[in-house]
Protein backbone atom coordinates (compact mmCIF):
# COMPACT_ATOMS: atom_id res chain seq x y z
CA MET A 1 -4.18 -27.22 16.58
CA ASN A 2 -1.03 -26.12 14.61
CA GLU A 3 0.28 -22.47 15.45
CA ASP A 4 0.08 -21.57 12.14
CA ASP A 5 -3.74 -22.53 11.99
CA ASN A 6 -4.01 -19.66 14.61
CA PRO A 7 -4.56 -16.46 13.47
CA LYS A 8 -1.89 -13.90 12.82
CA ILE A 9 -1.91 -10.66 15.00
CA ILE A 10 0.24 -7.61 14.65
CA LYS A 11 -0.05 -5.69 17.63
CA LYS A 12 -0.11 -2.04 17.48
CA ASP A 13 3.12 -1.43 18.67
CA GLU A 14 4.59 -3.93 16.38
CA MET A 15 2.33 -1.95 13.58
CA ASP A 16 3.92 1.12 14.33
CA GLU A 17 7.31 -0.36 13.86
CA LYS A 18 6.68 -1.97 10.28
CA LEU A 19 5.46 1.58 9.34
CA ASP A 20 8.61 3.19 10.65
CA GLN A 21 10.09 0.26 8.21
CA ALA A 22 7.64 1.07 5.35
CA LEU A 23 9.13 4.40 5.16
CA ASN A 24 8.69 5.75 1.37
CA GLU A 25 8.46 1.70 0.33
CA ALA A 26 6.16 -0.40 0.09
CA LEU A 27 6.42 -3.51 3.12
CA SER A 28 4.76 -6.61 2.61
CA LEU A 29 3.28 -8.03 5.64
CA PHE A 30 1.99 -11.15 4.31
CA LYS A 31 1.78 -13.08 1.24
CA ILE A 32 -0.51 -16.20 1.64
CA ASP A 33 -0.12 -18.68 -1.28
CA ASP A 34 -1.44 -17.35 -4.82
CA ASN A 35 -4.36 -15.53 -3.14
CA ILE A 36 -3.47 -11.91 -1.82
CA GLN A 37 -0.29 -10.20 -0.61
CA VAL A 38 -0.86 -7.12 2.49
CA GLY A 39 1.63 -4.58 3.40
CA LEU A 40 1.75 -0.85 4.47
CA LEU A 41 3.16 2.27 3.36
CA LYS A 42 4.34 5.17 5.14
CA LEU A 43 4.78 8.24 2.56
CA GLU A 44 6.65 11.17 4.11
CA PRO A 45 5.30 15.01 3.52
CA GLU A 46 6.40 15.92 -0.10
CA THR A 47 7.25 12.32 -1.58
CA ARG A 48 5.88 10.40 -4.36
CA LEU A 49 6.25 7.13 -5.08
CA PRO A 50 7.93 5.97 -7.44
CA PRO A 51 9.73 8.67 -7.57
CA ASP A 52 9.52 8.75 -11.29
CA GLY A 53 7.22 7.58 -14.05
CA MET A 54 4.82 4.94 -12.38
CA SER A 55 4.21 1.43 -11.58
CA GLU A 56 2.17 -1.30 -13.02
CA HIS A 57 0.93 -4.52 -11.89
CA GLU A 58 0.06 -6.37 -14.60
CA LEU A 59 -1.84 -9.41 -13.15
CA CYS A 60 -2.52 -7.64 -9.72
CA HIS A 61 -5.78 -6.06 -8.26
CA GLU A 62 -4.95 -3.67 -6.15
CA PHE A 63 -6.71 -2.12 -3.12
CA SER A 64 -5.49 0.96 -0.91
CA TYR A 65 -7.16 1.99 2.24
CA VAL A 66 -5.85 5.45 3.68
CA ILE A 67 -4.76 4.97 7.52
CA GLN A 68 -3.85 8.26 8.33
CA GLY A 69 -3.12 11.30 6.36
CA GLU A 70 -4.16 11.99 2.56
CA VAL A 71 -2.17 11.20 -0.60
CA ILE A 72 -2.87 11.96 -4.45
CA LEU A 73 -3.48 8.53 -6.48
CA GLY A 74 -2.17 9.41 -10.04
CA THR A 75 -3.21 7.38 -13.36
CA GLU A 76 -2.85 7.61 -17.00
CA SER A 77 -6.25 9.32 -16.31
CA GLY A 78 -5.27 12.36 -13.89
CA GLU A 79 -5.08 12.77 -10.19
CA LYS A 80 -7.60 11.91 -7.43
CA ARG A 81 -7.33 12.95 -3.66
CA MET A 82 -7.59 10.14 -1.20
CA LYS A 83 -8.23 11.20 2.19
CA GLU A 84 -8.14 9.32 5.54
CA GLY A 85 -10.88 6.70 5.88
CA GLU A 86 -10.63 6.17 1.98
CA MET A 87 -10.03 3.24 -0.03
CA MET A 88 -9.10 2.56 -3.83
CA TYR A 89 -8.92 0.10 -6.22
CA ASN A 90 -7.04 -0.43 -9.25
CA LYS A 91 -7.48 -3.06 -11.87
CA PRO A 92 -4.49 -4.80 -12.82
CA GLY A 93 -2.53 -3.02 -15.44
CA THR A 94 -3.45 0.22 -14.12
CA LYS A 95 -0.20 2.25 -14.29
CA HIS A 96 -0.12 4.65 -11.44
CA TYR A 97 1.84 6.77 -8.39
CA THR A 98 1.43 7.99 -4.97
CA TYR A 99 2.02 11.12 -4.04
CA ASN A 100 1.98 12.73 -0.51
CA ASP A 101 1.67 16.47 -1.27
CA SER A 102 0.85 17.45 2.33
CA SER A 103 3.12 18.77 5.31
CA LYS A 104 1.96 15.38 7.42
CA PRO A 105 2.59 11.97 6.36
CA ALA A 106 0.69 9.42 5.14
CA LYS A 107 -0.29 5.82 6.07
CA LEU A 108 -1.62 3.07 3.92
CA LEU A 109 -2.28 -0.42 4.01
CA TRP A 110 -2.18 -2.18 0.58
CA PHE A 111 -3.62 -5.51 -0.77
CA LEU A 112 -2.67 -7.42 -3.60
CA SER A 113 -4.72 -10.29 -5.60
CA PRO A 114 -2.61 -12.43 -6.80
CA PRO A 115 0.06 -11.13 -5.11
CA LEU A 116 3.48 -10.19 -6.84
CA GLN A 117 5.89 -12.96 -8.12
CA ASP A 118 8.99 -11.28 -7.52
CA GLN A 119 8.26 -10.88 -3.69
């Protein structure tokens, strides 16, 4: 069996390090061919991503899972609060932003399918 055929495991300490690298900026962990991209985001209190305007992934189905804390997901249709343990789905082309309006950091795991082409 080839080394590349083995499952890739990210241990807790490494995951904590990567979350620190993902401070207020989406960090890609895995990008598998043209199928899926998985990453992390750690938003500090009173932080919005993007800072102005909205993100849009025209071709990507997007999922986010709140690992810790809570955030507001804003779209052209309004805002929805997401709490720890909750997951969201955005269909391709949905304009959106994520805002941590709390006093504690928020940590999210995100998935895009297909992956962004520029990362």
